[in-house]
PDB file of N, CA and C in Angstrom:
ATOM      1  N   MET A   1      -1.797  26.745 -11.842  1.00  0.00           N
ATOM      2  CA  MET A   1      -0.578  26.129 -12.342  1.00  0.00           C
ATOM      3  C   MET A   1      -0.466  24.722 -11.738  1.00  0.00           C
ATOM      4  N   ILE A   2      -0.198  23.754 -12.561  1.00  0.00           N
ATOM      5  CA  ILE A   2      -0.153  22.358 -12.124  1.00  0.00           C
ATOM      6  C   ILE A   2       1.218  21.974 -11.580  1.00  0.00           C
ATOM      7  N   PHE A   3       2.259  22.661 -12.017  1.00  0.00           N
ATOM      8  CA  PHE A   3       3.624  22.304 -11.639  1.00  0.00           C
ATOM      9  C   PHE A   3       4.314  23.491 -10.973  1.00  0.00           C
ATOM     10  N   LEU A   4       5.335  23.181 -10.184  1.00  0.00           N
ATOM     11  CA  LEU A   4       6.142  24.236  -9.590  1.00  0.00           C
ATOM     12  C   LEU A   4       6.915  24.954 -10.696  1.00  0.00           C
ATOM     13  N   GLU A   5       7.104  26.240 -10.496  1.00  0.00           N
ATOM     14  CA  GLU A   5       7.816  27.035 -11.505  1.00  0.00           C
ATOM     15  C   GLU A   5       9.201  26.460 -11.781  1.00  0.00           C
ATOM     16  N   GLN A   6       9.862  25.993 -10.733  1.00  0.00           N
ATOM     17  CA  GLN A   6      11.215  25.455 -10.889  1.00  0.00           C
ATOM     18  C   GLN A   6      11.249  24.168 -11.726  1.00  0.00           C
ATOM     19  N   ASP A   7      10.102  23.520 -11.906  1.00  0.00           N
ATOM     20  CA  ASP A   7      10.042  22.265 -12.655  1.00  0.00           C
ATOM     21  C   ASP A   7       9.661  22.453 -14.119  1.00  0.00           C
ATOM     22  N   TRP A   8       9.338  23.672 -14.549  1.00  0.00           N
ATOM     23  CA  TRP A   8       8.805  23.860 -15.891  1.00  0.00           C
ATOM     24  C   TRP A   8       9.723  23.370 -17.001  1.00  0.00           C
ATOM     25  N   LYS A   9      11.023  23.562 -16.864  1.00  0.00           N
ATOM     26  CA  LYS A   9      11.943  23.086 -17.911  1.00  0.00           C
ATOM     27  C   LYS A   9      11.866  21.565 -18.030  1.00  0.00           C
ATOM     28  N   LYS A  10      11.891  20.887 -16.880  1.00  0.00           N
ATOM     29  CA  LYS A  10      11.814  19.420 -16.881  1.00  0.00           C
ATOM     30  C   LYS A  10      10.445  18.951 -17.362  1.00  0.00           C
ATOM     31  N   VAL A  11       9.396  19.669 -16.996  1.00  0.00           N
ATOM     32  CA  VAL A  11       8.047  19.330 -17.465  1.00  0.00           C
ATOM     33  C   VAL A  11       8.005  19.374 -18.987  1.00  0.00           C
ATOM     34  N   ASP A  12       8.566  20.417 -19.563  1.00  0.00           N
ATOM     35  CA  ASP A  12       8.592  20.543 -21.020  1.00  0.00           C
ATOM     36  C   ASP A  12       9.355  19.384 -21.645  1.00  0.00           C
ATOM     37  N   GLU A  13      10.485  19.040 -21.065  1.00  0.00           N
ATOM     38  CA  GLU A  13      11.284  17.927 -21.593  1.00  0.00           C
ATOM     39  C   GLU A  13      10.521  16.613 -21.515  1.00  0.00           C
ATOM     40  N   GLU A  14       9.877  16.368 -20.375  1.00  0.00           N
ATOM     41  CA  GLU A  14       9.146  15.110 -20.199  1.00  0.00           C
ATOM     42  C   GLU A  14       7.927  15.054 -21.114  1.00  0.00           C
ATOM     43  N   ASN A  15       7.254  16.179 -21.317  1.00  0.00           N
ATOM     44  CA  ASN A  15       6.127  16.211 -22.266  1.00  0.00           C
ATOM     45  C   ASN A  15       6.589  15.852 -23.670  1.00  0.00           C
ATOM     46  N   ARG A  16       7.705  16.451 -24.089  1.00  0.00           N
ATOM     47  CA  ARG A  16       8.230  16.153 -25.427  1.00  0.00           C
ATOM     48  C   ARG A  16       8.663  14.694 -25.534  1.00  0.00           C
ATOM     49  N   THR A  17       9.295  14.187 -24.477  1.00  0.00           N
ATOM     50  CA  THR A  17       9.708  12.783 -24.464  1.00  0.00           C
ATOM     51  C   THR A  17       8.497  11.873 -24.605  1.00  0.00           C
ATOM     52  N   PHE A  18       7.468  12.166 -23.818  1.00  0.00           N
ATOM     53  CA  PHE A  18       6.252  11.350 -23.872  1.00  0.00           C
ATOM     54  C   PHE A  18       5.661  11.337 -25.276  1.00  0.00           C
ATOM     55  N   GLU A  19       5.453  12.506 -25.847  1.00  0.00           N
ATOM     56  CA  GLU A  19       4.853  12.596 -27.179  1.00  0.00           C
ATOM     57  C   GLU A  19       5.691  11.883 -28.233  1.00  0.00           C
ATOM     58  N   THR A  20       6.994  12.097 -28.191  1.00  0.00           N
ATOM     59  CA  THR A  20       7.891  11.452 -29.154  1.00  0.00           C
ATOM     60  C   THR A  20       7.831   9.942 -29.020  1.00  0.00           C
ATOM     61  N   CYS A  21       7.902   9.454 -27.789  1.00  0.00           N
ATOM     62  CA  CYS A  21       7.909   8.006 -27.569  1.00  0.00           C
ATOM     63  C   CYS A  21       6.599   7.353 -27.983  1.00  0.00           C
ATOM     64  N   VAL A  22       5.482   8.004 -27.704  1.00  0.00           N
ATOM     65  CA  VAL A  22       4.195   7.442 -28.118  1.00  0.00           C
ATOM     66  C   VAL A  22       4.108   7.387 -29.645  1.00  0.00           C
ATOM     67  N   ASN A  23       4.538   8.452 -30.300  1.00  0.00           N
ATOM     68  CA  ASN A  23       4.516   8.457 -31.769  1.00  0.00           C
ATOM     69  C   ASN A  23       5.413   7.365 -32.344  1.00  0.00           C
ATOM     70  N   LYS A  24       6.615   7.231 -31.805  1.00  0.00           N
ATOM     71  CA  LYS A  24       7.537   6.206 -32.310  1.00  0.00           C
ATOM     72  C   LYS A  24       7.022   4.800 -31.991  1.00  0.00           C
ATOM     73  N   ALA A  25       6.398   4.635 -30.825  1.00  0.00           N
ATOM     74  CA  ALA A  25       5.808   3.333 -30.480  1.00  0.00           C
ATOM     75  C   ALA A  25       4.709   2.968 -31.473  1.00  0.00           C
ATOM     76  N   ASN A  26       3.885   3.933 -31.836  1.00  0.00           N
ATOM     77  CA  ASN A  26       2.831   3.678 -32.835  1.00  0.00           C
ATOM     78  C   ASN A  26       3.424   3.278 -34.173  1.00  0.00           C
ATOM     79  N   GLU A  27       4.492   3.974 -34.580  1.00  0.00           N
ATOM     80  CA  GLU A  27       5.151   3.637 -35.848  1.00  0.00           C
ATOM     81  C   GLU A  27       5.681   2.205 -35.814  1.00  0.00           C
ATOM     82  N   ARG A  28       6.366   1.859 -34.720  1.00  0.00           N
ATOM     83  CA  ARG A  28       6.941   0.519 -34.604  1.00  0.00           C
ATOM     84  C   ARG A  28       5.842  -0.547 -34.540  1.00  0.00           C
ATOM     85  N   PHE A  29       4.782  -0.226 -33.836  1.00  0.00           N
ATOM     86  CA  PHE A  29       3.664  -1.160 -33.728  1.00  0.00           C
ATOM     87  C   PHE A  29       3.052  -1.426 -35.102  1.00  0.00           C
ATOM     88  N   ASP A  30       2.851  -0.362 -35.860  1.00  0.00           N
ATOM     89  CA  ASP A  30       2.277  -0.511 -37.205  1.00  0.00           C
ATOM     90  C   ASP A  30       3.158  -1.356 -38.113  1.00  0.00           C
ATOM     91  N   ARG A  31       4.457  -1.361 -37.856  1.00  0.00           N
ATOM     92  CA  ARG A  31       5.384  -2.161 -38.667  1.00  0.00           C
ATOM     93  C   ARG A  31       5.588  -3.560 -38.092  1.00  0.00           C
ATOM     94  N   GLY A  32       4.911  -3.846 -36.987  1.00  0.00           N
ATOM     95  CA  GLY A  32       5.052  -5.167 -36.376  1.00  0.00           C
ATOM     96  C   GLY A  32       6.312  -5.313 -35.535  1.00  0.00           C
ATOM     97  N   GLU A  33       6.951  -4.217 -35.223  1.00  0.00           N
ATOM     98  CA  GLU A  33       8.167  -4.235 -34.395  1.00  0.00           C
ATOM     99  C   GLU A  33       7.755  -4.039 -32.931  1.00  0.00           C
ATOM    100  N   TYR A  34       7.201  -5.103 -32.364  1.00  0.00           N
ATOM    101  CA  TYR A  34       6.569  -4.996 -31.053  1.00  0.00           C
ATOM    102  C   TYR A  34       7.542  -4.768 -29.908  1.00  0.00           C
ATOM    103  N   GLU A  35       8.695  -5.377 -29.970  1.00  0.00           N
ATOM    104  CA  GLU A  35       9.680  -5.152 -28.904  1.00  0.00           C
ATOM    105  C   GLU A  35      10.143  -3.700 -28.891  1.00  0.00           C
ATOM    106  N   GLU A  36      10.397  -3.154 -30.072  1.00  0.00           N
ATOM    107  CA  GLU A  36      10.784  -1.742 -30.171  1.00  0.00           C
ATOM    108  C   GLU A  36       9.650  -0.851 -29.673  1.00  0.00           C
ATOM    109  N   ALA A  37       8.420  -1.184 -30.055  1.00  0.00           N
ATOM    110  CA  ALA A  37       7.262  -0.412 -29.599  1.00  0.00           C
ATOM    111  C   ALA A  37       7.174  -0.445 -28.078  1.00  0.00           C
ATOM    112  N   GLN A  38       7.427  -1.604 -27.501  1.00  0.00           N
ATOM    113  CA  GLN A  38       7.369  -1.737 -26.046  1.00  0.00           C
ATOM    114  C   GLN A  38       8.436  -0.878 -25.371  1.00  0.00           C
ATOM    115  N   LEU A  39       9.626  -0.822 -25.945  1.00  0.00           N
ATOM    116  CA  LEU A  39      10.685   0.011 -25.373  1.00  0.00           C
ATOM    117  C   LEU A  39      10.277   1.484 -25.364  1.00  0.00           C
ATOM    118  N   TYR A  40       9.688   1.923 -26.464  1.00  0.00           N
ATOM    119  CA  TYR A  40       9.232   3.316 -26.517  1.00  0.00           C
ATOM    120  C   TYR A  40       8.108   3.570 -25.517  1.00  0.00           C
ATOM    121  N   LEU A  41       7.208   2.603 -25.394  1.00  0.00           N
ATOM    122  CA  LEU A  41       6.113   2.773 -24.432  1.00  0.00           C
ATOM    123  C   LEU A  41       6.628   2.766 -22.991  1.00  0.00           C
ATOM    124  N   ASN A  42       7.655   1.975 -22.736  1.00  0.00           N
ATOM    125  CA  ASN A  42       8.255   1.992 -21.396  1.00  0.00           C
ATOM    126  C   ASN A  42       8.826   3.373 -21.079  1.00  0.00           C
ATOM    127  N   ASN A  43       9.468   3.974 -22.062  1.00  0.00           N
ATOM    128  CA  ASN A  43      10.035   5.304 -21.854  1.00  0.00           C
ATOM    129  C   ASN A  43       8.923   6.350 -21.707  1.00  0.00           C
ATOM    130  N   ALA A  44       7.836   6.180 -22.466  1.00  0.00           N
ATOM    131  CA  ALA A  44       6.695   7.089 -22.319  1.00  0.00           C
ATOM    132  C   ALA A  44       6.104   6.960 -20.918  1.00  0.00           C
ATOM    133  N   THR A  45       6.030   5.747 -20.413  1.00  0.00           N
ATOM    134  CA  THR A  45       5.530   5.521 -19.050  1.00  0.00           C
ATOM    135  C   THR A  45       6.436   6.175 -18.028  1.00  0.00           C
ATOM    136  N   ARG A  46       7.737   6.088 -18.245  1.00  0.00           N
ATOM    137  CA  ARG A  46       8.672   6.729 -17.330  1.00  0.00           C
ATOM    138  C   ARG A  46       8.456   8.247 -17.325  1.00  0.00           C
ATOM    139  N   ALA A  47       8.240   8.830 -18.505  1.00  0.00           N
ATOM    140  CA  ALA A  47       8.005  10.268 -18.595  1.00  0.00           C
ATOM    141  C   ALA A  47       6.716  10.648 -17.868  1.00  0.00           C
ATOM    142  N   LEU A  48       5.668   9.859 -18.046  1.00  0.00           N
ATOM    143  CA  LEU A  48       4.409  10.130 -17.341  1.00  0.00           C
ATOM    144  C   LEU A  48       4.568  10.014 -15.833  1.00  0.00           C
ATOM    145  N   THR A  49       5.333   9.029 -15.405  1.00  0.00           N
ATOM    146  CA  THR A  49       5.586   8.855 -13.973  1.00  0.00           C
ATOM    147  C   THR A  49       6.284  10.084 -13.407  1.00  0.00           C
ATOM    148  N   GLU A  50       7.232  10.604 -14.130  1.00  0.00           N
ATOM    149  CA  GLU A  50       7.960  11.796 -13.691  1.00  0.00           C
ATOM    150  C   GLU A  50       7.046  13.021 -13.690  1.00  0.00           C
ATOM    151  N   LEU A  51       6.205  13.159 -14.696  1.00  0.00           N
ATOM    152  CA  LEU A  51       5.247  14.272 -14.720  1.00  0.00           C
ATOM    153  C   LEU A  51       4.291  14.179 -13.527  1.00  0.00           C
ATOM    154  N   ASN A  52       3.848  12.980 -13.232  1.00  0.00           N
ATOM    155  CA  ASN A  52       2.951  12.788 -12.088  1.00  0.00           C
ATOM    156  C   ASN A  52       3.655  13.133 -10.778  1.00  0.00           C
ATOM    157  N   ARG A  53       4.918  12.732 -10.654  1.00  0.00           N
ATOM    158  CA  ARG A  53       5.675  13.047  -9.446  1.00  0.00           C
ATOM    159  C   ARG A  53       5.785  14.559  -9.260  1.00  0.00           C
ATOM    160  N   MET A  54       6.051  15.269 -10.346  1.00  0.00           N
ATOM    161  CA  MET A  54       6.173  16.727 -10.253  1.00  0.00           C
ATOM    162  C   MET A  54       4.827  17.380  -9.934  1.00  0.00           C
ATOM    163  N   MET A  55       3.749  16.821 -10.469  1.00  0.00           N
ATOM    164  CA  MET A  55       2.424  17.349 -10.158  1.00  0.00           C
ATOM    165  C   MET A  55       2.106  17.145  -8.673  1.00  0.00           C
ATOM    166  N   LEU A  56       2.417  15.965  -8.138  1.00  0.00           N
ATOM    167  CA  LEU A  56       2.180  15.694  -6.723  1.00  0.00           C
ATOM    168  C   LEU A  56       3.039  16.591  -5.836  1.00  0.00           C
ATOM    169  N   SER A  57       4.252  16.870  -6.288  1.00  0.00           N
ATOM    170  CA  SER A  57       5.129  17.774  -5.550  1.00  0.00           C
ATOM    171  C   SER A  57       4.496  19.152  -5.439  1.00  0.00           C
ATOM    172  N   LYS A  58       3.878  19.618  -6.518  1.00  0.00           N
ATOM    173  CA  LYS A  58       3.197  20.918  -6.513  1.00  0.00           C
ATOM    174  C   LYS A  58       1.998  20.882  -5.572  1.00  0.00           C
ATOM    175  N   GLU A  59       1.233  19.805  -5.601  1.00  0.00           N
ATOM    176  CA  GLU A  59       0.073  19.681  -4.714  1.00  0.00           C
ATOM    177  C   GLU A  59       0.507  19.714  -3.254  1.00  0.00           C
ATOM    178  N   GLN A  60       1.577  19.000  -2.919  1.00  0.00           N
ATOM    179  CA  GLN A  60       2.084  18.999  -1.548  1.00  0.00           C
ATOM    180  C   GLN A  60       2.561  20.387  -1.146  1.00  0.00           C
ATOM    181  N   HIS A  61       3.245  21.053  -2.049  1.00  0.00           N
ATOM    182  CA  HIS A  61       3.714  22.414  -1.797  1.00  0.00           C
ATOM    183  C   HIS A  61       2.532  23.329  -1.505  1.00  0.00           C
ATOM    184  N   ASP A  62       1.474  23.229  -2.319  1.00  0.00           N
ATOM    185  CA  ASP A  62       0.296  24.071  -2.147  1.00  0.00           C
ATOM    186  C   ASP A  62      -0.426  23.767  -0.833  1.00  0.00           C
ATOM    187  N   GLN A  63      -0.495  22.492  -0.467  1.00  0.00           N
ATOM    188  CA  GLN A  63      -1.132  22.123   0.795  1.00  0.00           C
ATOM    189  C   GLN A  63      -0.362  22.700   1.979  1.00  0.00           C
ATOM    190  N   LYS A  64       0.951  22.595   1.943  1.00  0.00           N
ATOM    191  CA  LYS A  64       1.776  23.146   3.022  1.00  0.00           C
ATOM    192  C   LYS A  64       1.608  24.659   3.101  1.00  0.00           C
ATOM    193  N   TRP A  65       1.562  25.322   1.965  1.00  0.00           N
ATOM    194  CA  TRP A  65       1.386  26.771   1.931  1.00  0.00           C
ATOM    195  C   TRP A  65       0.035  27.141   2.532  1.00  0.00           C
ATOM    196  N   PHE A  66      -1.020  26.402   2.166  1.00  0.00           N
ATOM    197  CA  PHE A  66      -2.352  26.683   2.671  1.00  0.00           C
ATOM    198  C   PHE A  66      -2.422  26.512   4.184  1.00  0.00           C
ATOM    199  N   VAL A  67      -1.852  25.424   4.692  1.00  0.00           N
ATOM    200  CA  VAL A  67      -1.848  25.189   6.143  1.00  0.00           C
ATOM    201  C   VAL A  67      -1.076  26.289   6.853  1.00  0.00           C
ATOM    202  N   THR A  68       0.059  26.681   6.303  1.00  0.00           N
ATOM    203  CA  THR A  68       0.851  27.764   6.890  1.00  0.00           C
ATOM    204  C   THR A  68       0.040  29.048   6.958  1.00  0.00           C
ATOM    205  N   LYS A  69      -0.670  29.377   5.889  1.00  0.00           N
ATOM    206  CA  LYS A  69      -1.492  30.588   5.867  1.00  0.00           C
ATOM    207  C   LYS A  69      -2.634  30.494   6.874  1.00  0.00           C
ATOM    208  N   GLN A  70      -3.218  29.312   7.042  1.00  0.00           N
ATOM    209  CA  GLN A  70      -4.266  29.140   8.044  1.00  0.00           C
ATOM    210  C   GLN A  70      -3.720  29.380   9.452  1.00  0.00           C
ATOM    211  N   ILE A  71      -2.550  28.839   9.727  1.00  0.00           N
ATOM    212  CA  ILE A  71      -1.921  29.020  11.044  1.00  0.00           C
ATOM    213  C   ILE A  71      -1.610  30.490  11.274  1.00  0.00           C
ATOM    214  N   GLU A  72      -1.052  31.139  10.273  1.00  0.00           N
ATOM    215  CA  GLU A  72      -0.741  32.563  10.406  1.00  0.00           C
ATOM    216  C   GLU A  72      -2.004  33.384  10.658  1.00  0.00           C
ATOM    217  N   SER A  73      -3.072  33.062   9.965  1.00  0.00           N
ATOM    218  CA  SER A  73      -4.338  33.777  10.164  1.00  0.00           C
ATOM    219  C   SER A  73      -4.880  33.559  11.563  1.00  0.00           C
ATOM    220  N   GLN A  74      -4.804  32.322  12.039  1.00  0.00           N
ATOM    221  CA  GLN A  74      -5.284  32.016  13.391  1.00  0.00           C
ATOM    222  C   GLN A  74      -4.440  32.738  14.433  1.00  0.00           C
ATOM    223  N   GLN A  75      -3.134  32.773  14.234  1.00  0.00           N
ATOM    224  CA  GLN A  75      -2.262  33.473  15.172  1.00  0.00           C
ATOM    225  C   GLN A  75      -2.581  34.973  15.192  1.00  0.00           C
ATOM    226  N   HIS A  76      -2.843  35.533  14.030  1.00  0.00           N
ATOM    227  CA  HIS A  76      -3.190  36.953  13.954  1.00  0.00           C
ATOM    228  C   HIS A  76      -4.523  37.206  14.663  1.00  0.00           C
ATOM    229  N   ALA A  77      -5.505  36.336  14.446  1.00  0.00           N
ATOM    230  CA  ALA A  77      -6.804  36.485  15.107  1.00  0.00           C
ATOM    231  C   ALA A  77      -6.650  36.347  16.618  1.00  0.00           C
ATOM    232  N   ASP A  78      -5.846  35.404  17.065  1.00  0.00           N
ATOM    233  CA  ASP A  78      -5.608  35.226  18.506  1.00  0.00           C
ATOM    234  C   ASP A  78      -4.967  36.467  19.110  1.00  0.00           C
ATOM    235  N   LYS A  79      -4.020  37.041  18.403  1.00  0.00           N
ATOM    236  CA  LYS A  79      -3.343  38.248  18.889  1.00  0.00           C
ATOM    237  C   LYS A  79      -4.336  39.401  19.012  1.00  0.00           C
ATOM    238  N   LEU A  80      -5.172  39.577  17.990  1.00  0.00           N
ATOM    239  CA  LEU A  80      -6.178  40.638  18.049  1.00  0.00           C
ATOM    240  C   LEU A  80      -7.159  40.410  19.196  1.00  0.00           C
ATOM    241  N   PHE A  81      -7.574  39.183  19.383  1.00  0.00           N
ATOM    242  CA  PHE A  81      -8.499  38.861  20.464  1.00  0.00           C
ATOM    243  C   PHE A  81      -7.878  39.187  21.823  1.00  0.00           C
ATOM    244  N   CYS A  82      -6.616  38.818  22.005  1.00  0.00           N
ATOM    245  CA  CYS A  82      -5.921  39.114  23.266  1.00  0.00           C
ATOM    246  C   CYS A  82      -5.812  40.618  23.491  1.00  0.00           C
ATOM    247  N   GLU A  83      -5.519  41.362  22.430  1.00  0.00           N
ATOM    248  CA  GLU A  83      -5.424  42.825  22.552  1.00  0.00           C
ATOM    249  C   GLU A  83      -6.767  43.428  22.935  1.00  0.00           C
ATOM    250  N   LEU A  84      -7.834  42.960  22.313  1.00  0.00           N
ATOM    251  CA  LEU A  84      -9.168  43.475  22.633  1.00  0.00           C
ATOM    252  C   LEU A  84      -9.562  43.114  24.063  1.00  0.00           C
ATOM    253  N   ARG A  85      -9.285  41.893  24.457  1.00  0.00           N
ATOM    254  CA  ARG A  85      -9.641  41.438  25.805  1.00  0.00           C
ATOM    255  C   ARG A  85      -8.896  42.252  26.861  1.00  0.00           C
ATOM    256  N   SER A  86      -7.620  42.531  26.574  1.00  0.00           N
ATOM    257  CA  SER A  86      -6.820  43.282  27.566  1.00  0.00           C
ATOM    258  C   SER A  86      -7.320  44.719  27.711  1.00  0.00           C
ATOM    259  N   ARG A  87      -7.948  45.253  26.695  1.00  0.00           N
ATOM    260  CA  ARG A  87      -8.487  46.608  26.774  1.00  0.00           C
ATOM    261  C   ARG A  87      -9.698  46.705  27.718  1.00  0.00           C
ATOM    262  N   TYR A  88     -10.425  45.605  27.837  1.00  0.00           N
ATOM    263  CA  TYR A  88     -11.649  45.620  28.611  1.00  0.00           C
ATOM    264  C   TYR A  88     -11.512  44.942  29.958  1.00  0.00           C
ATOM    265  N   GLU A  89     -10.340  44.587  30.354  1.00  0.00           N
ATOM    266  CA  GLU A  89     -10.139  43.957  31.676  1.00  0.00           C
ATOM    267  C   GLU A  89      -9.835  44.973  32.741  1.00  0.00           C
TER     268      GLU A  89
END
């Protein structure tokens, strides 16, 4: 999964915004309405920026989760090692 579950509604909205704006920008461009096309492309860029932010948020979340699991595993291994060592002392 590329995005956090809590972001899926916003992801869907931003995807639709992006697609709509790109399509409308193409229509305006084909008609020579360049300023209007630029406005739509600016909004499409904003939607992409937001999608990227949410994707990075998920990556950071996953990295933190992975580090936490590594620490927990190391702590568990240390505890087992201490228990084994104490048995043979």
